[in-house]
Amino acid sequence: QVQLVESGGGLVQAGGSLRLSCAASGSIFSMNDMRWYRQAPGKQREWVAGATRGGSTNYADSVKGRFTISRDNVKNTVYLQMNNLKPEDTAVYYCNGDFTLTTRSSVGFWGRGTQVTVSS
């Protein structure tokens, strides 16, 4: 199995920056497509950004130009650099990824999330 642990959340003023990390550990053969989602209070979870193993990235329109997803395939870690944060970015941010395990089976996993709060 795989454990995903997010970190880096916190309270920041509007216009500020945070860098989230998601470290994967366990029976990992390869870390494949990775994604960040977020869920604000009273709202559905929404996709924020994604990165393929080869490094291709894409973003939700709401964060394009402000957020950057990156990954370290050696450390099995994915990052989300968030700049020019807005109050509407306040949410719990979740890491999600597809993994090939050492058994060669492919499975998806979720982290438990990290809170990001942006004050106005």
C-alpha atoms as a PDB file:
ATOM      1  CA  GLN A   1       0.000   0.000   0.000  1.00  0.00           C
ATOM      2  CA  VAL A   2       0.903   3.669  -0.256  1.00  0.00           C
ATOM      3  CA  GLN A   3       0.640   6.482   2.247  1.00  0.00           C
ATOM      4  CA  LEU A   4       0.346  10.095   1.083  1.00  0.00           C
ATOM      5  CA  VAL A   5       1.146  12.800   3.606  1.00  0.00           C
ATOM      6  CA  GLU A   6       0.490  16.435   2.774  1.00  0.00           C
ATOM      7  CA  SER A   7       2.229  19.290   4.547  1.00  0.00           C
ATOM      8  CA  GLY A   8       2.826  22.997   4.170  1.00  0.00           C
ATOM      9  CA  GLY A   9      -0.649  24.338   4.752  1.00  0.00           C
ATOM     10  CA  GLY A  10      -1.375  27.216   7.063  1.00  0.00           C
ATOM     11  CA  LEU A  11      -2.762  30.707   7.438  1.00  0.00           C
ATOM     12  CA  VAL A  12      -1.573  33.381   5.029  1.00  0.00           C
ATOM     13  CA  GLN A  13      -2.715  36.846   4.039  1.00  0.00           C
ATOM     14  CA  ALA A  14      -4.150  37.513   0.614  1.00  0.00           C
ATOM     15  CA  GLY A  15      -1.347  37.973  -1.882  1.00  0.00           C
ATOM     16  CA  GLY A  16       0.935  35.646   0.011  1.00  0.00           C
ATOM     17  CA  SER A  17       2.413  32.296  -0.920  1.00  0.00           C
ATOM     18  CA  LEU A  18       2.504  28.758   0.384  1.00  0.00           C
ATOM     19  CA  ARG A  19       4.203  25.614  -0.845  1.00  0.00           C
ATOM     20  CA  LEU A  20       2.421  22.337  -0.255  1.00  0.00           C
ATOM     21  CA  SER A  21       4.229  19.020  -0.294  1.00  0.00           C
ATOM     22  CA  CYS A  22       2.852  15.511  -0.667  1.00  0.00           C
ATOM     23  CA  ALA A  23       5.229  12.722   0.226  1.00  0.00           C
ATOM     24  CA  ALA A  24       4.407   9.196  -0.852  1.00  0.00           C
ATOM     25  CA  SER A  25       5.759   6.150   0.906  1.00  0.00           C
ATOM     26  CA  GLY A  26       5.132   2.430   0.918  1.00  0.00           C
ATOM     27  CA  SER A  27       5.314  -0.331  -1.651  1.00  0.00           C
ATOM     28  CA  ILE A  28       5.954   1.981  -4.582  1.00  0.00           C
ATOM     29  CA  PHE A  29       7.381   0.788  -7.866  1.00  0.00           C
ATOM     30  CA  SER A  30       6.503   4.019  -9.661  1.00  0.00           C
ATOM     31  CA  MET A  31       4.616   7.207  -8.926  1.00  0.00           C
ATOM     32  CA  ASN A  32       2.469   7.943 -11.965  1.00  0.00           C
ATOM     33  CA  ASP A  33      -0.060  10.740 -12.545  1.00  0.00           C
ATOM     34  CA  MET A  34      -0.361  12.997  -9.502  1.00  0.00           C
ATOM     35  CA  ARG A  35      -3.013  15.588  -8.737  1.00  0.00           C
ATOM     36  CA  TRP A  36      -3.999  18.211  -6.210  1.00  0.00           C
ATOM     37  CA  TYR A  37      -7.642  18.737  -5.279  1.00  0.00           C
ATOM     38  CA  ARG A  38      -9.259  21.087  -2.802  1.00  0.00           C
ATOM     39  CA  GLN A  39     -12.497  21.248  -0.902  1.00  0.00           C
ATOM     40  CA  ALA A  40     -13.869  24.436   0.575  1.00  0.00           C
ATOM     41  CA  PRO A  41     -16.497  24.375   3.343  1.00  0.00           C
ATOM     42  CA  GLY A  42     -19.895  23.502   1.943  1.00  0.00           C
ATOM     43  CA  LYS A  43     -18.530  22.822  -1.527  1.00  0.00           C
ATOM     44  CA  GLN A  44     -17.625  19.760  -3.534  1.00  0.00           C
ATOM     45  CA  ARG A  45     -14.048  18.680  -3.911  1.00  0.00           C
ATOM     46  CA  GLU A  46     -12.541  20.182  -7.046  1.00  0.00           C
ATOM     47  CA  TRP A  47      -9.498  19.358  -9.105  1.00  0.00           C
ATOM     48  CA  VAL A  48      -6.734  21.980  -8.946  1.00  0.00           C
ATOM     49  CA  ALA A  49      -3.715  20.725 -10.847  1.00  0.00           C
ATOM     50  CA  GLY A  50      -2.159  17.604 -12.299  1.00  0.00           C
ATOM     51  CA  ALA A  51       1.267  16.365 -13.330  1.00  0.00           C
ATOM     52  CA  THR A  52       2.142  13.279 -15.327  1.00  0.00           C
ATOM     53  CA  ARG A  53       5.216  11.205 -14.609  1.00  0.00           C
ATOM     54  CA  GLY A  54       6.821  12.707 -17.680  1.00  0.00           C
ATOM     55  CA  GLY A  55       6.308  16.215 -16.357  1.00  0.00           C
ATOM     56  CA  SER A  56       3.304  17.466 -18.300  1.00  0.00           C
ATOM     57  CA  THR A  57       1.141  19.723 -16.162  1.00  0.00           C
ATOM     58  CA  ASN A  58      -2.310  21.231 -16.325  1.00  0.00           C
ATOM     59  CA  TYR A  59      -4.350  23.516 -14.111  1.00  0.00           C
ATOM     60  CA  ALA A  60      -7.848  24.571 -13.288  1.00  0.00           C
ATOM     61  CA  ASP A  61      -8.651  27.947 -14.779  1.00  0.00           C
ATOM     62  CA  SER A  62      -9.127  29.403 -11.291  1.00  0.00           C
ATOM     63  CA  VAL A  63      -5.462  28.834 -10.379  1.00  0.00           C
ATOM     64  CA  LYS A  64      -3.730  29.069 -13.747  1.00  0.00           C
ATOM     65  CA  GLY A  65      -0.836  31.514 -13.603  1.00  0.00           C
ATOM     66  CA  ARG A  66      -0.748  31.483  -9.797  1.00  0.00           C
ATOM     67  CA  PHE A  67      -0.156  27.835  -8.852  1.00  0.00           C
ATOM     68  CA  THR A  68       2.613  25.539 -10.049  1.00  0.00           C
ATOM     69  CA  ILE A  69       2.657  21.784  -9.615  1.00  0.00           C
ATOM     70  CA  SER A  70       5.974  19.977  -9.671  1.00  0.00           C
ATOM     71  CA  ARG A  71       7.294  16.581  -8.701  1.00  0.00           C
ATOM     72  CA  ASP A  72      10.407  14.733  -7.664  1.00  0.00           C
ATOM     73  CA  ASN A  73      10.165  11.180  -8.929  1.00  0.00           C
ATOM     74  CA  VAL A  74      13.196  10.102  -6.908  1.00  0.00           C
ATOM     75  CA  LYS A  75      11.755  11.366  -3.636  1.00  0.00           C
ATOM     76  CA  ASN A  76       8.208  10.304  -4.606  1.00  0.00           C
ATOM     77  CA  THR A  77       7.032  13.774  -3.701  1.00  0.00           C
ATOM     78  CA  VAL A  78       4.763  16.231  -5.449  1.00  0.00           C
ATOM     79  CA  TYR A  79       4.562  19.938  -4.690  1.00  0.00           C
ATOM     80  CA  LEU A  80       2.106  22.747  -5.195  1.00  0.00           C
ATOM     81  CA  GLN A  81       3.560  26.240  -5.160  1.00  0.00           C
ATOM     82  CA  MET A  82       0.747  28.692  -4.567  1.00  0.00           C
ATOM     83  CA  ASN A  83       1.383  32.378  -5.208  1.00  0.00           C
ATOM     84  CA  ASN A  84      -0.860  35.437  -5.052  1.00  0.00           C
ATOM     85  CA  LEU A  85      -3.282  33.568  -2.838  1.00  0.00           C
ATOM     86  CA  LYS A  86      -6.864  34.771  -2.612  1.00  0.00           C
ATOM     87  CA  PRO A  87      -9.479  34.247   0.105  1.00  0.00           C
ATOM     88  CA  GLU A  88     -11.370  31.982  -2.297  1.00  0.00           C
ATOM     89  CA  ASP A  89      -8.378  29.615  -2.282  1.00  0.00           C
ATOM     90  CA  THR A  90      -9.246  28.740   1.319  1.00  0.00           C
ATOM     91  CA  ALA A  91      -9.846  24.991   1.446  1.00  0.00           C
ATOM     92  CA  VAL A  92      -8.481  21.665   2.520  1.00  0.00           C
ATOM     93  CA  TYR A  93      -5.986  20.595  -0.125  1.00  0.00           C
ATOM     94  CA  TYR A  94      -5.693  16.920  -0.956  1.00  0.00           C
ATOM     95  CA  CYS A  95      -3.035  15.004  -2.822  1.00  0.00           C
ATOM     96  CA  ASN A  96      -4.158  12.187  -5.099  1.00  0.00           C
ATOM     97  CA  GLY A  97      -2.057   9.879  -7.162  1.00  0.00           C
ATOM     98  CA  ASP A  98      -1.835   6.754  -9.245  1.00  0.00           C
ATOM     99  CA  PHE A  99       0.865   4.273  -8.306  1.00  0.00           C
ATOM    100  CA  THR A 100       2.297   1.084  -9.609  1.00  0.00           C
ATOM    101  CA  LEU A 101       3.078  -1.013  -6.585  1.00  0.00           C
ATOM    102  CA  THR A 102       5.967  -3.417  -6.171  1.00  0.00           C
ATOM    103  CA  THR A 103       3.425  -6.155  -6.894  1.00  0.00           C
ATOM    104  CA  ARG A 104       2.947  -4.448 -10.302  1.00  0.00           C
ATOM    105  CA  SER A 105      -0.692  -3.687  -9.553  1.00  0.00           C
ATOM    106  CA  SER A 106      -1.885  -0.114 -10.165  1.00  0.00           C
ATOM    107  CA  VAL A 107      -3.867   1.666  -7.494  1.00  0.00           C
ATOM    108  CA  GLY A 108      -4.972   5.206  -6.672  1.00  0.00           C
ATOM    109  CA  PHE A 109      -4.539   6.789  -3.253  1.00  0.00           C
ATOM    110  CA  TRP A 110      -5.587   9.942  -1.424  1.00  0.00           C
ATOM    111  CA  GLY A 111      -3.878  11.880   1.290  1.00  0.00           C
ATOM    112  CA  ARG A 112      -5.701  13.190   4.341  1.00  0.00           C
ATOM    113  CA  GLY A 113      -5.373  16.817   3.355  1.00  0.00           C
ATOM    114  CA  THR A 114      -3.821  20.005   4.654  1.00  0.00           C
ATOM    115  CA  GLN A 115      -5.732  23.169   5.520  1.00  0.00           C
ATOM    116  CA  VAL A 116      -4.999  26.384   3.651  1.00  0.00           C
ATOM    117  CA  THR A 117      -6.629  29.545   4.966  1.00  0.00           C
ATOM    118  CA  VAL A 118      -6.222  32.869   3.185  1.00  0.00           C
ATOM    119  CA  SER A 119      -7.291  35.964   5.088  1.00  0.00           C
ATOM    120  CA  SER A 120      -8.403  39.150   3.353  1.00  0.00           C
END
